[in-house]
């Protein structure tokens, strides 16, 4: 089992920044790929970004490249999502998740076995 707890969400104006954190406990964090997903009201949960277990492979949704940065610190059992130039359409609940999938499958929601409870991000216009 891996337990994941997100933090860092909140209310921010358009153009602002937030840094989300996801702290992991339980099984060896460094053995899992980590992903961030988000779910807006009335919409399906969607992939945002992912990072492989050693940090060597990183993936983003095209629309978020250049604005969002995923990183991890295996010594702290934590994965981060730095979000800059936020837009109202980025408003959603953001979830982190852990996967044993190969890096090229880390975009797939169904490949993630462990999920956090989510943190709300609200971007005002």
Foldseek 3Di string as FASTA:
>chain_A
DKAKAKDWADEEAAQAKIKMKIAIDDPQLLQWKKFKWWDDPPGDIFGAKIAGSPRPDIDGDPVQPPFWDWDDDSVRRMIMIIGGRDDQVVWTWMKMFIANDPPVCVRDPVRTDYIYPTDTHGYHD
